[in-house]
Amino acid sequence: MKQRKACRTCGLKLPLQEFWRDRTRRDGFAPVCRTCARLYYRAWYASHRDQVIERVLARRRAYQNAIRLRQALSPGPTPRGA
C-alpha cells in the first residue's frame, strides 16, 4: 500500500494522514487533502452563510414545536395511590 497520495486540488504528494477516510473510494481516502477541503468548505460557508443559518433556525423551530406538541398531548403525571 502506498504511503503518499497526490491531492487533486493542490497537486502536492502528502502522507495519507493528510486525507480524510472515504470508504467509497478505491484507496479508502478522499481525493482532496484536509487543508484544501477545509479551505473549500470555509469558502462555501462564507458564500452560503444566510442559507445555512436559516436552515438551522428552521430545524430548531420544528424541534421546539414538536416538543410543545408532545407536552400538550401528554396526559401528565398520574397521582400517587390512585
Protein backbone atom coordinates (compact mmCIF):
# COMPACT_ATOMS: atom_id res chain seq x y z
CA MET A 1 0.00 0.00 0.00
CA LYS A 2 1.35 3.40 -0.90
CA GLN A 3 2.11 5.81 1.92
CA ARG A 4 1.68 9.06 -0.04
CA LYS A 5 -1.04 10.41 -2.29
CA ALA A 6 -1.37 13.45 -4.57
CA CYS A 7 -4.10 15.96 -3.73
CA ARG A 8 -6.48 16.58 -6.63
CA THR A 9 -6.67 20.30 -5.83
CA CYS A 10 -3.17 21.44 -4.89
CA GLY A 11 -1.24 18.59 -6.54
CA LEU A 12 1.09 18.04 -3.57
CA LYS A 13 2.11 14.49 -2.66
CA LEU A 14 1.20 14.17 1.00
CA PRO A 15 1.13 11.38 3.59
CA LEU A 16 -2.16 9.51 3.82
CA GLN A 17 -2.76 11.05 7.27
CA GLU A 18 -3.40 14.34 5.46
CA PHE A 19 -6.50 12.89 3.76
CA TRP A 20 -9.87 12.08 5.30
CA ARG A 21 -11.07 8.50 5.16
CA ASP A 22 -13.60 7.77 2.42
CA ARG A 23 -14.70 4.16 2.22
CA THR A 24 -16.44 4.76 -1.10
CA ARG A 25 -13.04 5.36 -2.76
CA ARG A 26 -10.91 2.52 -4.05
CA ASP A 27 -7.92 3.53 -1.91
CA GLY A 28 -10.09 4.44 1.10
CA PHE A 29 -9.13 8.12 1.22
CA ALA A 30 -10.68 11.35 -0.06
CA PRO A 31 -9.21 12.75 -3.30
CA VAL A 32 -8.59 16.19 -1.71
CA CYS A 33 -6.25 16.81 1.23
CA ARG A 34 -7.66 18.09 4.51
CA THR A 35 -6.20 21.56 4.05
CA CYS A 36 -7.76 22.05 0.60
CA ALA A 37 -11.08 20.57 1.76
CA ARG A 38 -11.12 22.88 4.77
CA LEU A 39 -10.47 25.92 2.56
CA TYR A 40 -13.23 24.84 0.18
CA TYR A 41 -15.80 24.31 2.96
CA ARG A 42 -14.95 27.63 4.62
CA ALA A 43 -15.37 29.48 1.33
CA TRP A 44 -18.64 27.65 0.64
CA TYR A 45 -19.99 28.53 4.10
CA ALA A 46 -18.99 32.17 3.66
CA SER A 47 -20.97 32.40 0.42
CA HIS A 48 -23.98 30.42 1.76
CA ARG A 49 -24.00 31.64 5.36
CA ASP A 50 -27.53 33.07 5.31
CA GLN A 51 -28.99 29.85 3.86
CA VAL A 52 -27.19 27.70 6.42
CA ILE A 53 -28.35 29.85 9.34
CA GLU A 54 -31.95 29.84 8.08
CA ARG A 55 -31.88 26.04 7.72
CA VAL A 56 -30.55 25.64 11.27
CA LEU A 57 -33.16 28.02 12.68
CA ALA A 58 -35.96 26.23 10.79
CA ARG A 59 -34.79 22.87 12.17
CA ARG A 60 -34.63 24.35 15.68
CA ARG A 61 -38.16 25.80 15.36
CA ALA A 62 -39.52 22.46 14.13
CA TYR A 63 -37.89 20.66 17.06
CA GLN A 64 -39.30 23.14 19.58
CA ASN A 65 -42.77 22.82 18.02
CA ALA A 66 -42.57 19.03 18.27
CA ILE A 67 -41.65 19.28 21.96
CA ARG A 68 -44.54 21.67 22.64
CA LEU A 69 -46.97 19.39 20.81
CA ARG A 70 -45.74 16.33 22.70
CA GLN A 71 -46.13 18.17 26.01
CA ALA A 72 -49.63 19.37 25.09
CA LEU A 73 -50.75 15.87 24.15
CA SER A 74 -49.18 14.07 27.11
CA PRO A 75 -51.63 13.14 29.85
CA GLY A 76 -49.35 14.48 32.57
CA PRO A 77 -48.25 12.78 35.76
CA THR A 78 -50.64 10.35 37.42
CA PRO A 79 -51.46 10.96 41.11
CA ARG A 80 -49.86 8.57 43.58
CA GLY A 81 -52.01 5.97 45.26
CA ALA A 82 -54.69 6.14 42.60
